Structure formats: C-alpha cells, structure tokens
Protein backbone atom coordinates (compact mmCIF):
# COMPACT_ATOMS: atom_id res chain seq x y z
CA MET A 1 -31.48 5.81 -16.82
CA LEU A 2 -32.04 4.63 -13.22
CA THR A 3 -32.05 1.01 -14.35
CA SER A 4 -28.70 1.56 -16.08
CA ALA A 5 -27.26 3.15 -12.94
CA ILE A 6 -28.39 0.18 -10.86
CA LEU A 7 -26.88 -2.29 -13.32
CA ILE A 8 -23.56 -0.43 -13.43
CA LEU A 9 -23.18 -0.04 -9.67
CA LEU A 10 -24.59 -3.35 -8.46
CA LEU A 11 -23.18 -5.65 -11.14
CA GLY A 12 -19.88 -3.73 -11.18
CA LEU A 13 -19.53 -4.22 -7.43
CA ILE A 14 -20.38 -7.92 -7.67
CA GLY A 15 -18.05 -8.44 -10.64
CA GLY A 16 -15.16 -6.76 -8.84
CA GLU A 17 -15.75 -8.81 -5.70
CA VAL A 18 -15.91 -12.08 -7.63
CA PHE A 19 -12.57 -11.38 -9.28
CA ARG A 20 -11.08 -10.25 -5.96
CA ARG A 21 -12.01 -13.57 -4.36
CA ILE A 22 -10.37 -15.60 -7.10
CA GLY A 23 -7.18 -13.57 -6.71
CA ALA A 24 -7.58 -11.35 -9.79
CA PRO A 25 -7.67 -7.52 -9.84
CA PRO A 26 -11.23 -6.28 -9.12
CA LEU A 27 -11.06 -3.80 -11.99
CA LEU A 28 -10.85 -6.75 -14.38
CA GLY A 29 -14.26 -7.92 -13.13
CA MET A 30 -15.67 -4.43 -13.53
CA ILE A 31 -14.39 -4.20 -17.09
CA ALA A 32 -15.91 -7.62 -17.83
CA VAL A 33 -19.28 -6.42 -16.50
CA GLY A 34 -19.03 -3.36 -18.76
CA ILE A 35 -18.35 -5.55 -21.80
CA ILE A 36 -21.41 -7.68 -20.97
CA LEU A 37 -23.64 -4.63 -20.45
CA GLY A 38 -22.40 -2.88 -23.59
CA LYS A 39 -23.34 -3.17 -27.24
CA GLU A 40 -20.84 -5.96 -27.83
CA VAL A 41 -22.96 -8.43 -25.80
CA ALA A 42 -26.27 -7.63 -24.06
CA ASP A 43 -26.75 -3.92 -24.88
CA LEU A 44 -28.62 -3.26 -21.62
CA LEU A 45 -27.66 0.35 -20.96
CA ASN A 46 -29.65 3.46 -21.81
CA PRO A 47 -27.99 5.42 -24.67
CA ILE A 48 -27.92 8.47 -22.39
CA VAL A 49 -25.38 6.67 -20.20
CA ILE A 50 -23.10 6.19 -23.20
CA THR A 51 -23.50 9.87 -24.04
CA LEU A 52 -22.58 10.86 -20.48
CA ALA A 53 -19.69 8.39 -20.25
CA ASP A 54 -16.97 11.00 -20.87
CA ASP A 55 -18.38 13.31 -18.19
CA LEU A 56 -18.67 10.48 -15.69
CA ARG A 57 -15.10 9.40 -16.42
CA MET A 58 -13.97 13.00 -15.84
CA ALA A 59 -15.64 12.99 -12.41
CA ALA A 60 -13.94 9.70 -11.55
CA VAL A 61 -10.55 11.08 -12.60
CA MET A 62 -11.15 14.11 -10.36
CA VAL A 63 -11.63 11.78 -7.39
CA ILE A 64 -8.42 9.93 -8.28
CA LEU A 65 -6.37 13.13 -8.54
CA MET A 66 -7.73 14.55 -5.27
CA ARG A 67 -6.83 11.30 -3.51
CA ALA A 68 -3.34 11.52 -5.01
CA GLY A 69 -2.83 15.13 -3.93
CA LEU A 70 -4.16 14.52 -0.43
CA GLY A 71 -1.77 11.59 -0.07
CA LEU A 72 1.48 13.32 -1.13
CA ASP A 73 4.31 13.88 1.33
CA ARG A 74 6.14 17.20 0.88
CA GLU A 75 9.27 16.11 2.73
CA LYS A 76 9.70 12.99 0.60
CA LEU A 77 9.11 14.97 -2.60
CA LEU A 78 11.80 17.49 -1.64
CA GLN A 79 14.11 14.59 -0.89
CA GLN A 80 13.51 13.00 -4.31
CA GLY A 81 12.35 16.04 -6.28
CA SER A 82 14.70 15.66 -9.26
CA VAL A 83 13.69 12.00 -9.68
CA ALA A 84 9.99 12.93 -9.69
CA LEU A 85 10.63 15.65 -12.26
CA ARG A 86 12.57 13.31 -14.55
CA LEU A 87 9.94 10.58 -14.15
CA GLY A 88 7.40 13.15 -15.30
CA PHE A 89 9.13 13.56 -18.65
CA LEU A 90 11.67 10.94 -19.66
CA PRO A 91 9.80 7.57 -19.50
CA ALA A 92 6.70 8.81 -21.33
CA LEU A 93 8.72 10.67 -23.98
CA ALA A 94 10.98 7.66 -24.52
CA GLU A 95 8.01 5.30 -24.84
CA MET A 96 6.21 7.69 -27.18
CA SER A 97 9.29 7.92 -29.41
CA ALA A 98 9.80 4.15 -29.45
CA ILE A 99 6.17 3.54 -30.39
CA ALA A 100 6.35 6.16 -33.15
CA LEU A 101 9.45 4.43 -34.55
CA PHE A 102 8.19 0.85 -34.43
CA SER A 103 4.65 1.70 -35.58
CA SER A 104 6.10 2.75 -38.91
CA LEU A 105 7.47 -0.79 -39.28
CA LEU A 106 4.49 -2.71 -37.86
CA PHE A 107 1.58 -0.58 -39.17
CA ASP A 108 3.16 1.54 -41.89
CA PHE A 109 2.36 4.78 -40.04
CA ASN A 110 4.07 8.04 -40.96
CA LEU A 111 6.00 9.94 -38.28
CA ILE A 112 3.17 12.26 -37.19
CA THR A 113 0.61 9.43 -36.99
CA GLY A 114 3.14 7.32 -35.10
CA LEU A 115 3.70 10.13 -32.61
CA LEU A 116 -0.08 10.49 -32.23
CA LEU A 117 -0.28 6.78 -31.43
CA GLY A 118 2.62 7.20 -28.99
CA CYS A 119 0.70 9.97 -27.20
CA VAL A 120 -2.30 7.65 -26.83
CA ILE A 121 -0.28 4.70 -25.51
CA ALA A 122 2.42 6.40 -23.39
CA PRO A 123 0.40 8.04 -20.52
CA GLU A 124 0.19 6.17 -17.23
CA SER A 125 -3.18 5.45 -15.67
CA PRO A 126 -4.07 7.34 -12.48
CA ALA A 127 -6.98 4.90 -12.05
CA VAL A 128 -4.49 2.08 -11.40
CA ILE A 129 -1.39 3.87 -10.15
CA VAL A 130 -2.97 6.26 -7.61
CA PRO A 131 -4.90 3.61 -5.60
CA GLY A 132 -1.90 1.28 -5.84
CA MET A 133 0.61 3.84 -4.56
CA LEU A 134 -1.70 5.05 -1.77
CA ARG A 135 -2.14 1.45 -0.67
CA LEU A 136 1.64 1.01 -0.55
CA LYS A 137 1.97 4.18 1.53
CA SER A 138 -0.60 2.93 4.02
CA ARG A 139 1.51 -0.23 4.46
CA GLY A 140 4.87 1.51 4.54
CA TRP A 141 6.39 0.05 1.35
CA GLY A 142 9.02 2.38 -0.10
CA VAL A 143 8.02 5.30 2.12
CA ALA A 144 11.53 5.87 3.55
CA LYS A 145 12.70 7.11 0.13
CA GLY A 146 9.31 8.48 -0.90
CA ILE A 147 9.01 6.08 -3.84
CA PRO A 148 5.16 6.05 -3.95
CA ASP A 149 5.12 9.88 -3.79
CA VAL A 150 7.66 10.15 -6.60
CA ILE A 151 5.69 7.77 -8.82
CA LEU A 152 2.43 9.62 -8.10
CA THR A 153 3.92 13.01 -8.97
CA GLY A 154 5.85 11.77 -11.99
CA SER A 155 2.76 10.06 -13.36
CA ALA A 156 0.68 13.25 -13.10
CA LEU A 157 3.38 15.38 -14.76
CA SER A 158 3.88 12.90 -17.60
CA ASP A 159 0.16 12.83 -18.36
CA VAL A 160 0.12 16.63 -18.54
CA LEU A 161 3.07 16.63 -20.95
CA ILE A 162 1.73 13.90 -23.24
CA LEU A 163 -1.76 15.41 -23.39
CA LEU A 164 -0.22 18.73 -24.46
CA ILE A 165 1.76 17.03 -27.22
CA PHE A 166 -1.37 15.12 -28.26
CA SER A 167 -3.31 18.39 -28.61
CA LEU A 168 -0.51 19.91 -30.68
CA LEU A 169 -0.39 16.90 -33.02
CA LEU A 170 -4.16 17.08 -33.54
CA ASN A 171 -3.67 20.70 -34.63
CA PHE A 172 -1.10 19.47 -37.13
CA PHE A 173 -3.70 17.21 -38.69
CA GLN A 174 -6.46 19.79 -38.66
CA GLN A 175 -4.51 22.90 -39.68
CA GLY A 176 -1.32 21.53 -41.17
CA VAL A 177 2.13 21.26 -39.64
CA ASN A 178 3.14 24.54 -38.01
CA THR A 179 6.81 24.89 -37.09
CA ASP A 180 6.05 27.78 -34.73
CA SER A 181 3.68 25.59 -32.73
CA LEU A 182 6.40 22.97 -32.37
CA THR A 183 8.98 25.46 -31.11
CA GLN A 184 6.46 26.84 -28.62
CA LEU A 185 5.74 23.41 -27.10
CA PRO A 186 8.32 23.62 -24.25
CA LEU A 187 6.98 27.03 -23.23
CA GLN A 188 3.38 25.75 -23.31
CA VAL A 189 4.31 22.81 -21.10
CA ILE A 190 6.07 25.05 -18.57
CA LEU A 191 3.17 27.51 -18.47
CA GLN A 192 0.57 24.78 -18.04
CA ILE A 193 2.52 23.31 -15.13
CA VAL A 194 3.27 26.65 -13.44
CA PHE A 195 -0.29 27.96 -13.80
CA GLY A 196 -1.72 24.59 -12.74
CA VAL A 197 0.29 24.57 -9.51
CA ALA A 198 -0.41 28.27 -8.86
CA ILE A 199 -4.17 27.86 -9.34
CA GLY A 200 -4.17 24.76 -7.13
CA PHE A 201 -2.37 26.79 -4.43
CA ALA A 202 -4.82 29.70 -4.65
CA VAL A 203 -7.91 27.50 -4.62
CA ALA A 204 -6.57 25.48 -1.68
CA TRP A 205 -6.06 28.69 0.29
CA LEU A 206 -9.60 29.83 -0.57
CA ILE A 207 -11.11 26.49 0.47
CA THR A 208 -9.18 26.61 3.74
CA VAL A 209 -10.64 30.05 4.49
CA ILE A 210 -14.16 28.89 3.64
CA LEU A 211 -14.11 25.56 5.48
CA ALA A 212 -11.53 25.89 8.26
CA LYS A 213 -11.75 29.57 9.23
CA LEU A 214 -15.30 30.63 8.32
CA LYS A 215 -16.60 27.07 8.94
CA LEU A 216 -19.34 27.33 6.33
CA ALA A 217 -19.71 23.52 6.13
CA GLN A 218 -21.65 21.78 8.87
CA ASN A 219 -20.19 18.29 8.42
CA PRO A 220 -17.75 16.25 6.24
CA VAL A 221 -20.48 15.61 3.65
CA HIS A 222 -20.82 19.35 3.05
CA GLU A 223 -17.02 19.61 2.82
CA ILE A 224 -16.75 16.88 0.20
CA ILE A 225 -19.55 18.47 -1.87
CA ILE A 226 -17.80 21.86 -1.85
CA VAL A 227 -14.28 20.59 -2.50
CA GLY A 228 -15.35 17.97 -5.05
CA SER A 229 -17.40 20.50 -7.01
CA ILE A 230 -14.54 23.01 -7.07
CA ALA A 231 -12.01 20.33 -8.11
CA LEU A 232 -14.25 19.14 -10.93
CA GLY A 233 -14.78 22.75 -11.95
CA LEU A 234 -11.01 23.19 -12.32
CA ILE A 235 -10.82 20.33 -14.82
CA ILE A 236 -13.80 21.67 -16.79
CA LEU A 237 -12.42 25.22 -16.72
CA ALA A 238 -9.08 24.02 -18.11
CA GLU A 239 -10.88 22.61 -21.15
CA THR A 240 -12.45 25.99 -21.87
CA PHE A 241 -9.31 28.01 -21.02
CA PRO A 242 -6.39 25.73 -21.93
CA TYR A 243 -3.76 27.90 -20.27
CA PHE A 244 -3.24 25.61 -17.28
CA SER A 245 -3.44 21.90 -16.55
CA GLY A 246 -6.73 21.11 -14.82
CA TYR A 247 -5.41 17.71 -13.80
CA LEU A 248 -2.30 19.17 -12.19
CA ALA A 249 -4.31 21.97 -10.54
CA THR A 250 -6.63 19.40 -8.97
CA MET A 251 -3.74 17.32 -7.65
CA ALA A 252 -2.00 20.48 -6.37
CA LEU A 253 -5.22 21.51 -4.63
CA GLY A 254 -5.16 18.32 -2.55
CA PHE A 255 -1.44 18.70 -1.83
CA PHE A 256 -1.69 22.30 -0.59
CA LEU A 257 -4.74 21.53 1.55
CA ILE A 258 -2.44 19.32 3.65
CA GLU A 259 -0.07 22.25 4.13
CA PHE A 260 -2.79 24.79 4.95
CA ASP A 261 -4.98 22.69 7.26
CA ALA A 262 -3.99 19.09 8.04
CA PRO A 263 -7.21 18.23 9.98
CA LEU A 264 -9.35 19.36 7.04
CA ALA A 265 -7.14 17.36 4.65
CA ARG A 266 -7.51 14.27 6.84
CA ARG A 267 -11.31 14.50 6.80
CA LEU A 268 -11.33 15.02 3.04
CA ARG A 269 -8.95 12.09 2.55
CA VAL A 270 -11.42 9.80 4.30
CA GLU A 271 -14.39 11.11 2.31
CA PHE A 272 -12.64 10.92 -1.06
CA ASN A 273 -11.64 7.34 -0.23
CA HIS A 274 -15.34 6.58 0.27
CA LEU A 275 -16.23 8.41 -2.94
CA TRP A 276 -13.65 6.37 -4.85
CA ILE A 277 -15.55 3.17 -4.06
CA VAL A 278 -18.34 4.39 -6.34
CA ALA A 279 -16.11 6.22 -8.82
CA GLU A 280 -13.95 3.12 -9.40
CA ILE A 281 -16.98 1.04 -10.35
CA VAL A 282 -18.33 3.70 -12.71
CA LEU A 283 -14.94 4.30 -14.34
CA PHE A 284 -14.07 0.70 -15.14
CA VAL A 285 -17.57 -0.51 -16.01
CA LEU A 286 -17.89 2.35 -18.52
CA LEU A 287 -14.42 1.48 -19.79
CA GLY A 288 -15.70 -2.03 -20.52
CA VAL A 289 -18.80 -0.59 -22.18
CA SER A 290 -16.68 1.49 -24.55
CA LEU A 291 -14.40 -1.37 -25.63
CA GLU A 292 -14.90 -2.64 -29.17
CA LEU A 293 -13.54 -6.17 -29.05
CA LYS A 294 -13.97 -6.83 -32.75
CA VAL A 295 -11.32 -4.24 -33.69
CA LEU A 296 -8.69 -6.11 -31.67
CA GLU A 297 -8.42 -9.17 -33.89
CA ALA A 298 -6.46 -7.57 -36.73
CA VAL A 299 -3.94 -5.80 -34.47
CA LEU A 300 -3.57 -8.31 -31.63
CA LEU A 301 -0.15 -9.83 -32.38
CA PRO A 302 1.61 -6.74 -33.82
CA GLY A 303 -0.05 -4.66 -31.10
CA LEU A 304 1.41 -6.85 -28.34
CA ILE A 305 4.83 -6.62 -29.99
CA LEU A 306 4.51 -2.83 -30.14
CA LEU A 307 3.56 -2.60 -26.44
CA ILE A 308 6.52 -4.76 -25.43
CA LEU A 309 8.97 -2.78 -27.57
CA GLY A 310 7.61 0.50 -26.22
CA LEU A 311 8.09 -0.76 -22.68
CA LEU A 312 11.48 -2.45 -23.00
CA LEU A 313 13.20 -0.14 -25.50
CA GLY A 314 11.41 3.06 -24.60
CA ARG A 315 10.08 3.41 -21.11
CA SER A 316 12.87 1.34 -19.52
CA ILE A 317 15.47 3.74 -20.92
CA GLY A 318 13.50 6.63 -19.47
CA TRP A 319 13.35 4.92 -16.07
CA TYR A 320 17.11 4.38 -16.12
CA PHE A 321 17.96 8.01 -16.82
CA SER A 322 15.29 9.23 -14.38
CA THR A 323 16.92 7.45 -11.43
CA ILE A 324 20.59 8.17 -12.23
CA GLY A 325 22.20 9.83 -9.23
CA SER A 326 19.35 8.88 -6.88
CA ASN A 327 19.65 6.78 -3.72
CA TRP A 328 17.44 4.06 -5.21
CA ASN A 329 18.94 0.57 -5.33
CA TRP A 330 18.45 -1.79 -8.28
CA ARG A 331 15.39 -3.45 -6.69
CA GLU A 332 13.65 -0.11 -6.24
CA ARG A 333 14.45 0.86 -9.83
CA LEU A 334 13.10 -2.48 -11.01
CA PHE A 335 9.83 -1.75 -9.17
CA LEU A 336 9.08 0.94 -11.78
CA LEU A 337 8.27 -1.90 -14.21
CA PRO A 338 5.11 -2.99 -12.34
CA GLY A 339 4.58 0.33 -10.56
CA ASN A 340 4.68 2.78 -13.45
CA SER A 341 3.39 0.92 -16.53
CA ALA A 342 -0.38 0.56 -16.21
CA LYS A 343 -2.59 2.28 -18.76
CA ALA A 344 -6.36 2.82 -18.68
CA THR A 345 -7.83 6.24 -17.93
CA VAL A 346 -6.15 8.49 -20.50
CA GLN A 347 -6.35 5.81 -23.19
CA ALA A 348 -10.09 5.49 -22.56
CA ALA A 349 -10.50 9.27 -22.74
CA ILE A 350 -8.52 10.05 -25.92
CA GLY A 351 -8.18 6.74 -27.78
CA ALA A 352 -11.20 7.35 -29.99
CA ILE A 353 -10.45 11.01 -30.83
CA PRO A 354 -8.27 10.37 -33.93
CA LEU A 355 -10.99 8.11 -35.35
CA SER A 356 -13.72 10.68 -34.65
CA LEU A 357 -11.67 13.33 -36.50
CA GLY A 358 -11.31 11.09 -39.54
CA ILE A 359 -7.53 10.71 -39.22
CA GLU A 360 -6.14 7.86 -41.31
CA GLY A 361 -5.24 4.96 -39.03
CA GLY A 362 -7.68 6.16 -36.34
CA GLU A 363 -9.36 2.75 -36.08
CA THR A 364 -5.99 1.10 -35.53
CA ILE A 365 -5.08 3.70 -32.89
CA LEU A 366 -8.34 2.99 -31.05
CA ALA A 367 -7.76 -0.76 -31.22
CA LEU A 368 -4.24 -0.39 -29.82
CA ALA A 369 -5.53 1.88 -27.04
CA VAL A 370 -8.05 -0.81 -26.11
CA LEU A 371 -5.36 -3.49 -26.23
CA SER A 372 -3.05 -1.47 -23.96
CA ILE A 373 -5.86 -1.17 -21.41
CA LEU A 374 -6.78 -4.85 -21.48
CA VAL A 375 -3.15 -5.94 -21.12
CA THR A 376 -1.55 -3.41 -18.76
CA ALA A 377 -4.37 -2.31 -16.41
CA PRO A 378 -5.07 -5.75 -14.89
CA ILE A 379 -1.37 -6.66 -14.82
CA GLY A 380 -0.49 -3.33 -13.16
CA ALA A 381 -3.24 -3.63 -10.54
CA TRP A 382 -1.97 -7.12 -9.69
CA ALA A 383 1.76 -6.44 -9.93
CA ILE A 384 1.95 -3.35 -7.70
CA PRO A 385 0.91 -5.08 -4.44
CA THR A 386 2.55 -8.36 -5.48
CA PHE A 387 6.06 -7.05 -6.19
CA ALA A 388 6.24 -4.20 -3.66
CA PRO A 389 7.09 -6.55 -0.73
CA LYS A 390 9.75 -8.23 -2.89
CA LEU A 391 11.43 -5.09 -4.25
CA LEU A 392 10.80 -2.31 -1.73
CA GLU A 393 11.77 -1.84 1.89
CA GLN A 394 9.02 -1.37 4.47
CA GLY A 395 9.31 1.77 6.54
CA GLU A 396 7.35 3.60 9.17
CA VAL A 397 3.96 4.88 8.02
CA ASP A 398 3.21 8.57 8.51
CA PRO A 399 -0.42 8.55 9.71
CA THR A 400 -0.84 12.23 8.77
CA LYS A 401 -0.39 11.42 5.06
CA VAL A 402 -2.51 8.29 4.66
CA SER A 403 -5.91 6.95 5.61
CA SER A 404 -6.16 3.80 7.62
CA THR A 405 -7.13 0.86 5.42
CA GLU A 406 -7.24 -1.68 8.22
CA LYS A 407 -10.33 -2.34 10.32
CA THR A 408 -9.91 -1.02 13.87
CA ARG A 409 -10.30 -3.71 16.50
CA LEU A 410 -10.74 -3.31 20.28
CA LEU A 411 -10.43 -5.89 23.06
CA ALA A 412 -12.76 -5.70 26.06
CA ALA A 413 -11.52 -7.86 28.95
CA ILE A 414 -14.39 -8.61 31.36
CA ASP A 415 -14.97 -10.76 34.43
CA THR A 416 -18.02 -11.44 36.57
CA SER A 417 -17.71 -8.25 38.62
CA LEU A 418 -19.93 -5.20 38.34
CA LEU A 419 -17.18 -3.53 36.32
CA ALA A 420 -18.07 -5.71 33.32
CA THR A 421 -21.02 -3.45 32.55
CA GLU A 422 -18.87 -0.31 32.67
CA VAL A 423 -16.19 -1.91 30.49
CA LEU A 424 -18.76 -2.90 27.87
CA LYS A 425 -20.35 0.56 27.94
CA LYS A 426 -16.99 2.24 27.39
CA THR A 427 -16.06 -0.26 24.67
CA GLY A 428 -19.34 0.34 22.86
CA GLU A 429 -18.87 4.11 23.05
CA LEU A 430 -15.37 3.90 21.53
CA ALA A 431 -16.35 1.31 18.90
CA ARG A 432 -19.19 3.50 17.61
CA LYS A 433 -16.90 6.52 17.30
CA MET A 434 -14.18 4.51 15.56
CA ASN A 435 -16.42 2.14 13.57
CA ALA A 436 -14.43 -0.67 15.18
CA GLU A 437 -14.85 -4.39 15.69
CA VAL A 438 -14.70 -5.75 19.26
CA ILE A 439 -13.20 -8.85 20.82
CA VAL A 440 -14.86 -9.55 24.19
CA LEU A 441 -12.61 -11.76 26.35
CA HIS A 442 -13.48 -13.59 29.55
CA VAL A 443 -10.59 -15.47 31.16
CA ILE A 444 -11.90 -18.29 33.37
CA SER A 445 -10.23 -20.58 35.88
CA HIS A 446 -12.97 -23.20 35.63
CA LEU A 447 -15.90 -23.78 33.30
CA ASP A 448 -19.08 -22.05 34.48
CA GLU A 449 -21.72 -22.19 31.76
CA GLU A 450 -24.19 -20.08 33.72
CA LYS A 451 -21.74 -17.21 34.22
CA ASN A 452 -20.64 -17.39 30.58
CA THR A 453 -24.26 -17.16 29.45
CA GLU A 454 -24.84 -14.13 31.68
CA LEU A 455 -21.76 -12.38 30.27
CA GLU A 456 -22.78 -13.18 26.68
CA THR A 457 -26.24 -11.75 27.35
CA LEU A 458 -24.70 -8.64 28.89
CA THR A 459 -22.40 -8.25 25.89
CA GLN A 460 -25.30 -8.55 23.45
CA GLN A 461 -27.20 -5.94 25.43
CA HIS A 462 -24.43 -3.32 25.18
CA LEU A 463 -22.89 -4.20 21.78
CA ALA A 464 -25.99 -5.16 19.82
CA ASP A 465 -25.21 -2.69 17.00
CA ILE A 466 -21.48 -3.51 16.84
CA SER A 467 -19.62 -6.37 15.16
CA TYR A 468 -18.12 -8.38 18.04
CA ARG A 469 -16.83 -11.81 18.97
CA PHE A 470 -17.21 -13.28 22.47
CA ILE A 471 -14.41 -15.65 23.43
CA THR A 472 -13.29 -17.39 26.61
CA SER A 473 -9.81 -18.51 27.59
CA ASN A 474 -8.06 -20.43 30.38
CA GLY A 475 -4.79 -19.43 32.05
CA VAL A 476 -3.16 -16.57 33.91
CA VAL A 477 -5.49 -13.63 33.41
CA GLY A 478 -2.95 -10.89 32.60
CA THR A 479 -0.90 -13.12 30.29
CA GLU A 480 -3.99 -14.30 28.42
CA ILE A 481 -5.28 -10.74 27.91
CA ILE A 482 -1.96 -9.57 26.43
CA GLY A 483 -1.51 -12.69 24.30
CA ILE A 484 -4.99 -12.60 22.78
CA ALA A 485 -4.77 -8.84 22.22
CA GLN A 486 -1.57 -9.36 20.21
CA PHE A 487 -3.02 -12.35 18.31
CA TYR A 488 -6.03 -10.34 17.12
CA GLU A 489 -3.87 -7.21 16.53
CA VAL A 490 -6.18 -4.94 18.51
CA SER A 491 -5.48 -1.23 18.80
CA ASP A 492 -6.57 -0.88 22.46
CA ILE A 493 -7.37 -3.02 25.50
CA ILE A 494 -10.29 -1.90 27.67
CA MET A 495 -10.57 -3.47 31.10
CA GLY A 496 -11.73 -2.76 34.65
CA LYS A 497 -9.35 -1.19 37.13
CA ARG A 498 -10.24 -3.88 39.66
CA GLY A 499 -12.19 -7.07 39.31
CA HIS A 500 -12.72 -10.15 41.47
CA GLN A 501 -9.18 -10.63 42.82
CA PRO A 502 -7.93 -11.92 46.18
CA LEU A 503 -7.13 -9.19 48.69
CA GLU A 504 -3.36 -9.69 48.44
CA LYS A 505 -3.55 -9.32 44.63
CA VAL A 506 -5.44 -6.04 44.95
CA LEU A 507 -2.89 -4.67 47.40
CA LEU A 508 0.01 -5.69 45.15
CA GLY A 509 -1.49 -4.19 42.00
CA SER A 510 -3.99 -6.71 40.50
CA THR A 511 -4.43 -7.91 36.94
CA SER A 512 -4.83 -4.41 35.55
CA GLN A 513 -1.43 -3.46 36.92
CA THR A 514 0.14 -6.53 35.34
CA VAL A 515 -1.36 -5.71 31.94
CA LEU A 516 -0.34 -2.04 32.21
CA GLU A 517 3.27 -2.95 32.95
CA ASN A 518 3.67 -5.63 30.26
CA SER A 519 1.32 -4.82 27.38
CA PRO A 520 2.84 -3.25 24.23
CA ILE A 521 -0.74 -2.26 23.31
CA PRO A 522 -2.38 0.82 24.91
CA VAL A 523 -4.63 -0.01 27.88
CA ILE A 524 -7.76 1.91 28.91
CA LEU A 525 -8.82 1.35 32.53
CA VAL A 526 -12.46 1.79 33.54
CA GLU A 527 -13.52 2.52 37.10
CA GLU A 528 -16.85 1.64 38.67
CA LYS A 529 -19.18 4.64 38.82
C-alpha cells in the first residue's frame, strides 16, 4: 500500500512536470503515469488502491469544490445570475439530448440507453474547469463581467442536474419506467439545489462559530482538517440521504464562508490550494489506472463523431440561449467552447456504473466515457489559459477572492554603510513571513571587488535560508533602484533611510527621498538602530 502511494505521488508529480515543460497539460502526464502503473501495462499498484479509488476520487472532488466555493464572487454572480442559472441547465441538457439522438444512429441505442449515455458524457469536469477558472481570476481575465464565476457556478449546477437524471434513468432500468418518477424530476432537482444551498449556509455558519469566534483551531492546519472533514462528510451524507446535493452543499459552504468571515476564508483558500497539489495527482493518476484502452478501438471513430455532434449541435445551442440578453460580446461567448467543455471527473466516477449493473450497451458507454476524458480533458486544460487572453478582457483582480499564484519578490538596496546590515535583517524578516524571493542590489560608481565580496558575505549571513540573487549595477543610484525593481517586478523596495551620500545630498533629501518620490512600487525605509 505504501509503495503504491509513493509510486502514485512521486511518478505522478514527475509525469505532470515533464508534460508541463514540453508545453502540454500536466494532467495528461499524470494520466499517462496512471496507465503505465495500471493493469493495462505494468500492473504495479496494490489491489487495495484500486478498491479505494472511488473514495480517493471523492476526496479530490471535495477539494476542487471547496476551492471553487472559496473563489466565487457574490457581486459578479448577482450581476450575471441569470446567465449562471441558464448555464447550469441548458448546455448540459442540450448536449445530453443530442447525444441520445445521434447514439441511436451510430450505436443503435434505444432512447433510454441513449439518454443514459448522454448523462455520462454531458457533465463538465470540475477537475479541469475549477483550477482553470481560478487561474483566470487570479490573472484578471474576464473578471469585470464575472465570466469565471458564472462558468464555475453553471458547471456545478449542471453536474447536479445531470447526476439526478442519471440516477432516475438507472431506476428505470432496475425497476421499469415509472411515469410518476419522470414528472417528479423537476421538483427533485429544485429540492436538491435548495437543500444543498441551505445546508451549505448552515454548516458555514457553524464552522465560523467554531473557528472564528470560539477559536478552537490553533493554526491553519487544524482549520483545514476540520473544514475538509466536514466538507467530505457532506458529500458522503448526501449519498446516504439523497435529499440534497452534497456537491452543491460543499461549494456553497466555501462561498458562504467568504461572507461570514473573509480572513478565515482567505486562510482556507491558501490551504486548499496546497491540498489540491496532492489531490490533483491522485485524481488523474487513478483516472489513468481505471482506463481500459482496449475497449476504445471499436468505438474510436463513431465515438469522436458523437462527441463532436454533441458539442456543436447540442452544447453550442445551449450556450447560445444561456447568454441571450447578457452583456457578453461574441468573443466572450466563444470562450465557452474551450472554457466549458472539458470532461473527466464525473465520467470517471459514473462511466462504469451501467456496465456493473449489466445494462445492455454498458461496455460501449464506458468506452465512450473514457474517450471523452482522453479527448476533452487535455484539450480543455490547454485551451482555457491559451484562449482566455485572446477572447476575454483583462480586468482588475480582487485580492479578497483569489489566492496569489505569483512568487512574491522583494528588492533590498544596500550600500557600504552600516545600514546595509539593518536593511538585510528587515528584508530577511519580511521574506520569511511572505515566503518571498529577494533581489539584493548594490549600485556602484566604480568597481571595488573587496567591497562587493564583503557585501555578498553579509548577504549570505543574513539571507542564508532565503532564495536570493545578489546583483550590482552602475549609474544614478535612485534611477537604478527603481528601474531594476520594475524589471524584476518586485512587490516592495527595502532600503536605508540614509547611506553614504555627500552632505549636500543628505540635506536636500538623499537617494531614499528620490526613490520615495518617483517609485511606483512601495518603499520601506530602514533606520539605523
């Protein structure tokens, strides 16, 4: 078991990084590692891991949904609420219907089996869409109109709807077609959504009382254990008591935590981002393990045709009607093609159920689920960041709704005065708190190797445990500090209030005054103790 865990995590990480460096989506490398580790190739994993795969995937989906909820923006959702609601129903229903229709022609399925296949293929993948949309939010793409928030919410709602229809269709096969069940479907969908949101609200309030008011957690690790366990419990509870959507309740939990206690939500956002690093590897490696490549051969060509028809003649119609009357331009509507098409998580979770229940055509349904993952997940992961700059407008990022994805970088400007030690001490203190990189700059008027060596030694002494770069530059001191700070895109400049300057410079304001007056980057001045 431990050996299998090591293989999944280590090789999954390496596989993802290899594919990242060649310009391909990392998840493709993780899936490839899973295929190699699985029964199709090397068969290196303990059977217990295969048995636990569904539970591990559920935990990974919980992390995805919490990240989505913690990243939603209430104001943008209110602004585009009707679009989000329509995106939650129309595209998936249209794609499901198109697949049901064309599967009867391509695979000779009856209507109910075709609809069952449509339910397997139509859901969008939170494993691809949630990280993609959160990444766009952190960079400002589409945030002015709340496009990432709308796609996130619509995707969650559509998965709830399709999973409900899928469950109803399975009952048709197991108990016979029941007209009463069909007429009750709209009511069931509404109740699942209402109860899911209500339970998410109540649990968020309870967590806020426990963590923010009673302060029962000692640190962010305790907070993530408590919140993660409760969120996973909601999903498990919904399977036992199917009166609410566990997925929607989990996402609502994250959303309402922002409203109840923004500082707590910010800490949890950071910790769930860290947790996703592991969950992503587990999710996609196990996805690769579960793939049965041999079943793809017979359905490859008709399956690709079916996916294309479902997208172009189904989902595209749903996208069109979902955005009628909105303030989206044609480029933003076109972005739904790469931004709202990826499939992986739900297909991996339910694709094999018809086969396990002995439903005729179950093997074909599983093969088409696998094909949809292999085709759309890598393309979606690549297309979202690729087409966003071409189709969306970049707006101002709201730092209260996203986690920083960029490495923080500080600039420490030092000279040969005694203040250099204080500047480096202050820089080190800030860098450790912010987990930041440091640029140490010494502007010189003439080359002095001995002084440079002394400053490098001093820098090493105070920043030994911090990633830093020591550089020298020639020119006007204030101008060089500002120019290099902008070139390296640092967040702050730390420098001494006074260094070695001629008397007239000190009286007129010195280098620090020049930098303060002209730098667009915040400046922290350090005085000699």
